Amino acid sequence: MKSPKIITGYVLFIFSFLAWIGIGVLQFLNLSVAQNASISGGLFIVGEVTFYISIVLLGNTFWQKIKDWFRKMLIKTGLKSNPKEDDEL
């Protein structure tokens, strides 16, 4: 069984993406501009904070997997031509 730290990290990682999805869903709700802006701002902050906490809990190996996935996507879409060119993402 995985440790509670790892499980918490994965839950927070998933929750961070749910917060971003929530920002997209807000536009379809019948809210005023002020309500939409304040809720979106809150979801943005929650999403970012939970993402960074999940990375801290899951460790450097998980962070490297995320960076490698993004590098593959950039190369696949043609936005980055040389995988060795830039190690910072």
PDB file of N, CA and C in Angstrom:
ATOM      1  N   MET A   1       0.838  -1.181   0.000  1.00  0.00           N
ATOM      2  CA  MET A   1       0.000   0.000   0.000  1.00  0.00           C
ATOM      3  C   MET A   1       0.881   1.242   0.000  1.00  0.00           C
ATOM      4  N   LYS A   2       0.476   2.230  -0.747  1.00  0.00           N
ATOM      5  CA  LYS A   2       1.236   3.474  -0.834  1.00  0.00           C
ATOM      6  C   LYS A   2       1.075   4.277   0.449  1.00  0.00           C
ATOM      7  N   SER A   3       2.074   5.090   0.715  1.00  0.00           N
ATOM      8  CA  SER A   3       2.051   5.885   1.939  1.00  0.00           C
ATOM      9  C   SER A   3       0.987   6.985   1.836  1.00  0.00           C
ATOM     10  N   PRO A   4       0.503   7.457   2.981  1.00  0.00           N
ATOM     11  CA  PRO A   4      -0.478   8.549   2.977  1.00  0.00           C
ATOM     12  C   PRO A   4       0.048   9.812   2.283  1.00  0.00           C
ATOM     13  N   LYS A   5       1.353  10.037   2.346  1.00  0.00           N
ATOM     14  CA  LYS A   5       1.957  11.195   1.690  1.00  0.00           C
ATOM     15  C   LYS A   5       1.769  11.105   0.169  1.00  0.00           C
ATOM     16  N   ILE A   6       1.996   9.934  -0.399  1.00  0.00           N
ATOM     17  CA  ILE A   6       1.850   9.739  -1.846  1.00  0.00           C
ATOM     18  C   ILE A   6       0.385   9.844  -2.258  1.00  0.00           C
ATOM     19  N   ILE A   7      -0.488   9.237  -1.501  1.00  0.00           N
ATOM     20  CA  ILE A   7      -1.920   9.288  -1.813  1.00  0.00           C
ATOM     21  C   ILE A   7      -2.416  10.725  -1.755  1.00  0.00           C
ATOM     22  N   THR A   8      -2.006  11.458  -0.711  1.00  0.00           N
ATOM     23  CA  THR A   8      -2.389  12.862  -0.593  1.00  0.00           C
ATOM     24  C   THR A   8      -1.853  13.670  -1.771  1.00  0.00           C
ATOM     25  N   GLY A   9      -0.639  13.381  -2.194  1.00  0.00           N
ATOM     26  CA  GLY A   9      -0.052  14.072  -3.339  1.00  0.00           C
ATOM     27  C   GLY A   9      -0.854  13.853  -4.609  1.00  0.00           C
ATOM     28  N   TYR A  10      -1.259  12.614  -4.870  1.00  0.00           N
ATOM     29  CA  TYR A  10      -2.059  12.326  -6.063  1.00  0.00           C
ATOM     30  C   TYR A  10      -3.446  12.978  -5.983  1.00  0.00           C
ATOM     31  N   VAL A  11      -4.044  12.956  -4.816  1.00  0.00           N
ATOM     32  CA  VAL A  11      -5.365  13.580  -4.656  1.00  0.00           C
ATOM     33  C   VAL A  11      -5.265  15.083  -4.913  1.00  0.00           C
ATOM     34  N   LEU A  12      -4.246  15.725  -4.366  1.00  0.00           N
ATOM     35  CA  LEU A  12      -4.066  17.158  -4.592  1.00  0.00           C
ATOM     36  C   LEU A  12      -3.759  17.461  -6.056  1.00  0.00           C
ATOM     37  N   PHE A  13      -2.986  16.586  -6.705  1.00  0.00           N
ATOM     38  CA  PHE A  13      -2.665  16.775  -8.118  1.00  0.00           C
ATOM     39  C   PHE A  13      -3.936  16.736  -8.967  1.00  0.00           C
ATOM     40  N   ILE A  14      -4.791  15.760  -8.701  1.00  0.00           N
ATOM     41  CA  ILE A  14      -6.061  15.659  -9.434  1.00  0.00           C
ATOM     42  C   ILE A  14      -6.957  16.848  -9.116  1.00  0.00           C
ATOM     43  N   PHE A  15      -7.000  17.233  -7.850  1.00  0.00           N
ATOM     44  CA  PHE A  15      -7.833  18.366  -7.447  1.00  0.00           C
ATOM     45  C   PHE A  15      -7.395  19.661  -8.118  1.00  0.00           C
ATOM     46  N   SER A  16      -6.079  19.808  -8.339  1.00  0.00           N
ATOM     47  CA  SER A  16      -5.592  21.022  -8.997  1.00  0.00           C
ATOM     48  C   SER A  16      -6.144  21.126 -10.418  1.00  0.00           C
ATOM     49  N   PHE A  17      -6.274  20.007 -11.106  1.00  0.00           N
ATOM     50  CA  PHE A  17      -6.838  20.039 -12.454  1.00  0.00           C
ATOM     51  C   PHE A  17      -8.347  20.243 -12.420  1.00  0.00           C
ATOM     52  N   LEU A  18      -9.000  19.735 -11.394  1.00  0.00           N
ATOM     53  CA  LEU A  18     -10.435  19.977 -11.260  1.00  0.00           C
ATOM     54  C   LEU A  18     -10.720  21.458 -11.051  1.00  0.00           C
ATOM     55  N   ALA A  19      -9.831  22.140 -10.350  1.00  0.00           N
ATOM     56  CA  ALA A  19      -9.998  23.592 -10.160  1.00  0.00           C
ATOM     57  C   ALA A  19      -9.904  24.308 -11.501  1.00  0.00           C
ATOM     58  N   TRP A  20      -8.985  23.903 -12.353  1.00  0.00           N
ATOM     59  CA  TRP A  20      -8.860  24.519 -13.679  1.00  0.00           C
ATOM     60  C   TRP A  20     -10.079  24.219 -14.538  1.00  0.00           C
ATOM     61  N   ILE A  21     -10.595  23.012 -14.449  1.00  0.00           N
ATOM     62  CA  ILE A  21     -11.807  22.664 -15.195  1.00  0.00           C
ATOM     63  C   ILE A  21     -12.972  23.516 -14.693  1.00  0.00           C
ATOM     64  N   GLY A  22     -13.014  23.737 -13.399  1.00  0.00           N
ATOM     65  CA  GLY A  22     -14.063  24.583 -12.813  1.00  0.00           C
ATOM     66  C   GLY A  22     -14.047  25.989 -13.367  1.00  0.00           C
ATOM     67  N   ILE A  23     -12.855  26.525 -13.644  1.00  0.00           N
ATOM     68  CA  ILE A  23     -12.759  27.864 -14.237  1.00  0.00           C
ATOM     69  C   ILE A  23     -13.420  27.866 -15.612  1.00  0.00           C
ATOM     70  N   GLY A  24     -13.215  26.816 -16.378  1.00  0.00           N
ATOM     71  CA  GLY A  24     -13.837  26.733 -17.697  1.00  0.00           C
ATOM     72  C   GLY A  24     -15.340  26.571 -17.640  1.00  0.00           C
ATOM     73  N   VAL A  25     -15.823  25.869 -16.629  1.00  0.00           N
ATOM     74  CA  VAL A  25     -17.261  25.624 -16.493  1.00  0.00           C
ATOM     75  C   VAL A  25     -17.998  26.883 -16.042  1.00  0.00           C
ATOM     76  N   LEU A  26     -17.319  27.757 -15.334  1.00  0.00           N
ATOM     77  CA  LEU A  26     -17.967  28.964 -14.801  1.00  0.00           C
ATOM     78  C   LEU A  26     -18.624  29.823 -15.875  1.00  0.00           C
ATOM     79  N   GLN A  27     -18.061  29.842 -17.054  1.00  0.00           N
ATOM     80  CA  GLN A  27     -18.622  30.703 -18.099  1.00  0.00           C
ATOM     81  C   GLN A  27     -20.016  30.273 -18.523  1.00  0.00           C
ATOM     82  N   PHE A  28     -20.376  29.024 -18.258  1.00  0.00           N
ATOM     83  CA  PHE A  28     -21.691  28.519 -18.636  1.00  0.00           C
ATOM     84  C   PHE A  28     -22.737  28.703 -17.543  1.00  0.00           C
ATOM     85  N   LEU A  29     -22.312  29.183 -16.393  1.00  0.00           N
ATOM     86  CA  LEU A  29     -23.245  29.417 -15.293  1.00  0.00           C
ATOM     87  C   LEU A  29     -23.781  30.839 -15.372  1.00  0.00           C
ATOM     88  N   ASN A  30     -24.929  31.030 -14.809  1.00  0.00           N
ATOM     89  CA  ASN A  30     -25.582  32.339 -14.841  1.00  0.00           C
ATOM     90  C   ASN A  30     -25.082  33.183 -13.665  1.00  0.00           C
ATOM     91  N   LEU A  31     -23.842  33.673 -13.790  1.00  0.00           N
ATOM     92  CA  LEU A  31     -23.235  34.483 -12.737  1.00  0.00           C
ATOM     93  C   LEU A  31     -22.902  35.858 -13.280  1.00  0.00           C
ATOM     94  N   SER A  32     -22.859  36.827 -12.391  1.00  0.00           N
ATOM     95  CA  SER A  32     -22.442  38.167 -12.810  1.00  0.00           C
ATOM     96  C   SER A  32     -20.942  38.158 -13.098  1.00  0.00           C
ATOM     97  N   VAL A  33     -20.484  39.206 -13.741  1.00  0.00           N
ATOM     98  CA  VAL A  33     -19.066  39.301 -14.074  1.00  0.00           C
ATOM     99  C   VAL A  33     -18.219  39.327 -12.801  1.00  0.00           C
ATOM    100  N   ALA A  34     -18.665  40.042 -11.801  1.00  0.00           N
ATOM    101  CA  ALA A  34     -17.921  40.134 -10.544  1.00  0.00           C
ATOM    102  C   ALA A  34     -17.841  38.772  -9.850  1.00  0.00           C
ATOM    103  N   GLN A  35     -18.971  38.049  -9.830  1.00  0.00           N
ATOM    104  CA  GLN A  35     -18.964  36.721  -9.226  1.00  0.00           C
ATOM    105  C   GLN A  35     -18.047  35.787 -10.001  1.00  0.00           C
ATOM    106  N   ASN A  36     -18.136  35.829 -11.319  1.00  0.00           N
ATOM    107  CA  ASN A  36     -17.313  34.971 -12.159  1.00  0.00           C
ATOM    108  C   ASN A  36     -15.828  35.267 -11.934  1.00  0.00           C
ATOM    109  N   ALA A  37     -15.483  36.543 -11.874  1.00  0.00           N
ATOM    110  CA  ALA A  37     -14.088  36.927 -11.681  1.00  0.00           C
ATOM    111  C   ALA A  37     -13.569  36.492 -10.310  1.00  0.00           C
ATOM    112  N   SER A  38     -14.370  36.683  -9.282  1.00  0.00           N
ATOM    113  CA  SER A  38     -13.889  36.329  -7.938  1.00  0.00           C
ATOM    114  C   SER A  38     -13.780  34.819  -7.768  1.00  0.00           C
ATOM    115  N   ILE A  39     -14.741  34.082  -8.288  1.00  0.00           N
ATOM    116  CA  ILE A  39     -14.674  32.616  -8.178  1.00  0.00           C
ATOM    117  C   ILE A  39     -13.521  32.081  -9.019  1.00  0.00           C
ATOM    118  N   SER A  40     -13.331  32.638 -10.208  1.00  0.00           N
ATOM    119  CA  SER A  40     -12.218  32.209 -11.063  1.00  0.00           C
ATOM    120  C   SER A  40     -10.877  32.489 -10.391  1.00  0.00           C
ATOM    121  N   GLY A  41     -10.762  33.657  -9.778  1.00  0.00           N
ATOM    122  CA  GLY A  41      -9.529  33.983  -9.064  1.00  0.00           C
ATOM    123  C   GLY A  41      -9.256  33.021  -7.927  1.00  0.00           C
ATOM    124  N   GLY A  42     -10.301  32.699  -7.176  1.00  0.00           N
ATOM    125  CA  GLY A  42     -10.143  31.740  -6.084  1.00  0.00           C
ATOM    126  C   GLY A  42      -9.763  30.362  -6.582  1.00  0.00           C
ATOM    127  N   LEU A  43     -10.423  29.906  -7.661  1.00  0.00           N
ATOM    128  CA  LEU A  43     -10.096  28.596  -8.220  1.00  0.00           C
ATOM    129  C   LEU A  43      -8.679  28.559  -8.784  1.00  0.00           C
ATOM    130  N   PHE A  44      -8.258  29.673  -9.376  1.00  0.00           N
ATOM    131  CA  PHE A  44      -6.888  29.753  -9.894  1.00  0.00           C
ATOM    132  C   PHE A  44      -5.877  29.582  -8.768  1.00  0.00           C
ATOM    133  N   ILE A  45      -6.079  30.308  -7.683  1.00  0.00           N
ATOM    134  CA  ILE A  45      -5.152  30.228  -6.549  1.00  0.00           C
ATOM    135  C   ILE A  45      -5.176  28.833  -5.935  1.00  0.00           C
ATOM    136  N   VAL A  46      -6.365  28.279  -5.745  1.00  0.00           N
ATOM    137  CA  VAL A  46      -6.479  26.926  -5.178  1.00  0.00           C
ATOM    138  C   VAL A  46      -5.801  25.905  -6.085  1.00  0.00           C
ATOM    139  N   GLY A  47      -6.025  26.029  -7.391  1.00  0.00           N
ATOM    140  CA  GLY A  47      -5.420  25.096  -8.334  1.00  0.00           C
ATOM    141  C   GLY A  47      -3.906  25.147  -8.314  1.00  0.00           C
ATOM    142  N   GLU A  48      -3.361  26.351  -8.296  1.00  0.00           N
ATOM    143  CA  GLU A  48      -1.903  26.492  -8.278  1.00  0.00           C
ATOM    144  C   GLU A  48      -1.303  25.984  -6.966  1.00  0.00           C
ATOM    145  N   VAL A  49      -1.893  26.368  -5.854  1.00  0.00           N
ATOM    146  CA  VAL A  49      -1.359  25.946  -4.553  1.00  0.00           C
ATOM    147  C   VAL A  49      -1.420  24.428  -4.409  1.00  0.00           C
ATOM    148  N   THR A  50      -2.546  23.821  -4.775  1.00  0.00           N
ATOM    149  CA  THR A  50      -2.640  22.359  -4.652  1.00  0.00           C
ATOM    150  C   THR A  50      -1.684  21.664  -5.608  1.00  0.00           C
ATOM    151  N   PHE A  51      -1.445  22.237  -6.794  1.00  0.00           N
ATOM    152  CA  PHE A  51      -0.480  21.647  -7.729  1.00  0.00           C
ATOM    153  C   PHE A  51       0.915  21.643  -7.120  1.00  0.00           C
ATOM    154  N   TYR A  52       1.350  22.797  -6.585  1.00  0.00           N
ATOM    155  CA  TYR A  52       2.692  22.878  -6.024  1.00  0.00           C
ATOM    156  C   TYR A  52       2.850  22.012  -4.778  1.00  0.00           C
ATOM    157  N   ILE A  53       1.845  21.945  -3.954  1.00  0.00           N
ATOM    158  CA  ILE A  53       1.930  21.068  -2.778  1.00  0.00           C
ATOM    159  C   ILE A  53       2.010  19.611  -3.213  1.00  0.00           C
ATOM    160  N   SER A  54       1.252  19.243  -4.260  1.00  0.00           N
ATOM    161  CA  SER A  54       1.306  17.858  -4.733  1.00  0.00           C
ATOM    162  C   SER A  54       2.694  17.521  -5.264  1.00  0.00           C
ATOM    163  N   ILE A  55       3.341  18.470  -5.940  1.00  0.00           N
ATOM    164  CA  ILE A  55       4.687  18.226  -6.450  1.00  0.00           C
ATOM    165  C   ILE A  55       5.661  18.033  -5.293  1.00  0.00           C
ATOM    166  N   VAL A  56       5.507  18.825  -4.251  1.00  0.00           N
ATOM    167  CA  VAL A  56       6.374  18.668  -3.081  1.00  0.00           C
ATOM    168  C   VAL A  56       6.168  17.294  -2.448  1.00  0.00           C
ATOM    169  N   LEU A  57       4.922  16.857  -2.326  1.00  0.00           N
ATOM    170  CA  LEU A  57       4.646  15.567  -1.696  1.00  0.00           C
ATOM    171  C   LEU A  57       5.072  14.387  -2.566  1.00  0.00           C
ATOM    172  N   LEU A  58       4.937  14.513  -3.880  1.00  0.00           N
ATOM    173  CA  LEU A  58       5.240  13.398  -4.778  1.00  0.00           C
ATOM    174  C   LEU A  58       6.713  13.322  -5.151  1.00  0.00           C
ATOM    175  N   GLY A  59       7.431  14.394  -5.022  1.00  0.00           N
ATOM    176  CA  GLY A  59       8.874  14.356  -5.186  1.00  0.00           C
ATOM    177  C   GLY A  59       9.385  14.701  -6.578  1.00  0.00           C
ATOM    178  N   ASN A  60      10.707  14.694  -6.665  1.00  0.00           N
ATOM    179  CA  ASN A  60      11.403  15.094  -7.876  1.00  0.00           C
ATOM    180  C   ASN A  60      11.147  14.137  -9.039  1.00  0.00           C
ATOM    181  N   THR A  61      11.015  12.863  -8.773  1.00  0.00           N
ATOM    182  CA  THR A  61      10.772  11.897  -9.841  1.00  0.00           C
ATOM    183  C   THR A  61       9.467  12.200 -10.559  1.00  0.00           C
ATOM    184  N   PHE A  62       8.425  12.507  -9.819  1.00  0.00           N
ATOM    185  CA  PHE A  62       7.138  12.846 -10.419  1.00  0.00           C
ATOM    186  C   PHE A  62       7.257  14.131 -11.221  1.00  0.00           C
ATOM    187  N   TRP A  63       7.978  15.115 -10.698  1.00  0.00           N
ATOM    188  CA  TRP A  63       8.172  16.378 -11.401  1.00  0.00           C
ATOM    189  C   TRP A  63       8.919  16.146 -12.712  1.00  0.00           C
ATOM    190  N   GLN A  64       9.919  15.271 -12.691  1.00  0.00           N
ATOM    191  CA  GLN A  64      10.651  14.956 -13.919  1.00  0.00           C
ATOM    192  C   GLN A  64       9.742  14.292 -14.952  1.00  0.00           C
ATOM    193  N   LYS A  65       8.831  13.433 -14.508  1.00  0.00           N
ATOM    194  CA  LYS A  65       7.879  12.806 -15.429  1.00  0.00           C
ATOM    195  C   LYS A  65       6.979  13.845 -16.086  1.00  0.00           C
ATOM    196  N   ILE A  66       6.542  14.829 -15.314  1.00  0.00           N
ATOM    197  CA  ILE A  66       5.700  15.890 -15.866  1.00  0.00           C
ATOM    198  C   ILE A  66       6.485  16.694 -16.894  1.00  0.00           C
ATOM    199  N   LYS A  67       7.726  17.066 -16.568  1.00  0.00           N
ATOM    200  CA  LYS A  67       8.538  17.832 -17.503  1.00  0.00           C
ATOM    201  C   LYS A  67       8.814  17.031 -18.777  1.00  0.00           C
ATOM    202  N   ASP A  68       9.105  15.749 -18.643  1.00  0.00           N
ATOM    203  CA  ASP A  68       9.352  14.911 -19.820  1.00  0.00           C
ATOM    204  C   ASP A  68       8.115  14.819 -20.700  1.00  0.00           C
ATOM    205  N   TRP A  69       6.939  14.714 -20.088  1.00  0.00           N
ATOM    206  CA  TRP A  69       5.706  14.646 -20.862  1.00  0.00           C
ATOM    207  C   TRP A  69       5.506  15.930 -21.658  1.00  0.00           C
ATOM    208  N   PHE A  70       5.737  17.083 -21.005  1.00  0.00           N
ATOM    209  CA  PHE A  70       5.586  18.358 -21.709  1.00  0.00           C
ATOM    210  C   PHE A  70       6.614  18.504 -22.821  1.00  0.00           C
ATOM    211  N   ARG A  71       7.838  18.051 -22.593  1.00  0.00           N
ATOM    212  CA  ARG A  71       8.848  18.108 -23.656  1.00  0.00           C
ATOM    213  C   ARG A  71       8.402  17.284 -24.863  1.00  0.00           C
ATOM    214  N   LYS A  72       7.877  16.087 -24.601  1.00  0.00           N
ATOM    215  CA  LYS A  72       7.388  15.251 -25.702  1.00  0.00           C
ATOM    216  C   LYS A  72       6.276  15.953 -26.468  1.00  0.00           C
ATOM    217  N   MET A  73       5.350  16.600 -25.756  1.00  0.00           N
ATOM    218  CA  MET A  73       4.254  17.302 -26.418  1.00  0.00           C
ATOM    219  C   MET A  73       4.767  18.482 -27.243  1.00  0.00           C
ATOM    220  N   LEU A  74       5.757  19.208 -26.725  1.00  0.00           N
ATOM    221  CA  LEU A  74       6.315  20.330 -27.474  1.00  0.00           C
ATOM    222  C   LEU A  74       7.016  19.861 -28.743  1.00  0.00           C
ATOM    223  N   ILE A  75       7.739  18.760 -28.644  1.00  0.00           N
ATOM    224  CA  ILE A  75       8.417  18.214 -29.818  1.00  0.00           C
ATOM    225  C   ILE A  75       7.401  17.683 -30.818  1.00  0.00           C
ATOM    226  N   LYS A  76       6.387  17.005 -30.319  1.00  0.00           N
ATOM    227  CA  LYS A  76       5.356  16.435 -31.191  1.00  0.00           C
ATOM    228  C   LYS A  76       4.613  17.526 -31.967  1.00  0.00           C
ATOM    229  N   THR A  77       4.349  18.661 -31.327  1.00  0.00           N
ATOM    230  CA  THR A  77       3.623  19.740 -31.986  1.00  0.00           C
ATOM    231  C   THR A  77       4.544  20.631 -32.809  1.00  0.00           C
ATOM    232  N   GLY A  78       5.845  20.414 -32.741  1.00  0.00           N
ATOM    233  CA  GLY A  78       6.788  21.205 -33.519  1.00  0.00           C
ATOM    234  C   GLY A  78       7.190  22.506 -32.869  1.00  0.00           C
ATOM    235  N   LEU A  79       6.795  22.729 -31.640  1.00  0.00           N
ATOM    236  CA  LEU A  79       7.166  23.968 -30.953  1.00  0.00           C
ATOM    237  C   LEU A  79       8.589  23.924 -30.415  1.00  0.00           C
ATOM    238  N   LYS A  80       9.151  22.720 -30.334  1.00  0.00           N
ATOM    239  CA  LYS A  80      10.514  22.556 -29.871  1.00  0.00           C
ATOM    240  C   LYS A  80      11.156  21.513 -30.770  1.00  0.00           C
ATOM    241  N   SER A  81      12.302  21.850 -31.369  1.00  0.00           N
ATOM    242  CA  SER A  81      12.881  20.941 -32.348  1.00  0.00           C
ATOM    243  C   SER A  81      13.944  20.017 -31.762  1.00  0.00           C
ATOM    244  N   ASN A  82      14.728  20.498 -30.830  1.00  0.00           N
ATOM    245  CA  ASN A  82      15.819  19.698 -30.302  1.00  0.00           C
ATOM    246  C   ASN A  82      15.593  19.403 -28.831  1.00  0.00           C
ATOM    247  N   PRO A  83      15.384  18.129 -28.473  1.00  0.00           N
ATOM    248  CA  PRO A  83      15.121  17.806 -27.057  1.00  0.00           C
ATOM    249  C   PRO A  83      16.303  18.104 -26.138  1.00  0.00           C
ATOM    250  N   LYS A  84      17.528  18.145 -26.656  1.00  0.00           N
ATOM    251  CA  LYS A  84      18.702  18.411 -25.830  1.00  0.00           C
ATOM    252  C   LYS A  84      18.975  19.911 -25.704  1.00  0.00           C
ATOM    253  N   GLU A  85      18.295  20.709 -26.494  1.00  0.00           N
ATOM    254  CA  GLU A  85      18.564  22.137 -26.582  1.00  0.00           C
ATOM    255  C   GLU A  85      18.285  22.886 -25.275  1.00  0.00           C
ATOM    256  N   ASP A  86      17.203  22.521 -24.594  1.00  0.00           N
ATOM    257  CA  ASP A  86      16.781  23.295 -23.432  1.00  0.00           C
ATOM    258  C   ASP A  86      16.364  22.343 -22.318  1.00  0.00           C
ATOM    259  N   ASP A  87      17.088  22.334 -21.214  1.00  0.00           N
ATOM    260  CA  ASP A  87      16.739  21.454 -20.111  1.00  0.00           C
ATOM    261  C   ASP A  87      15.800  22.116 -19.127  1.00  0.00           C
ATOM    262  N   GLU A  88      15.631  23.417 -19.195  1.00  0.00           N
ATOM    263  CA  GLU A  88      14.731  24.134 -18.302  1.00  0.00           C
ATOM    264  C   GLU A  88      13.375  24.255 -18.963  1.00  0.00           C
ATOM    265  N   LEU A  89      12.318  23.858 -18.253  1.00  0.00           N
ATOM    266  CA  LEU A  89      10.967  24.018 -18.765  1.00  0.00           C
ATOM    267  C   LEU A  89      10.094  24.677 -17.765  1.00  0.00           C
TER     268      LEU A  89
END
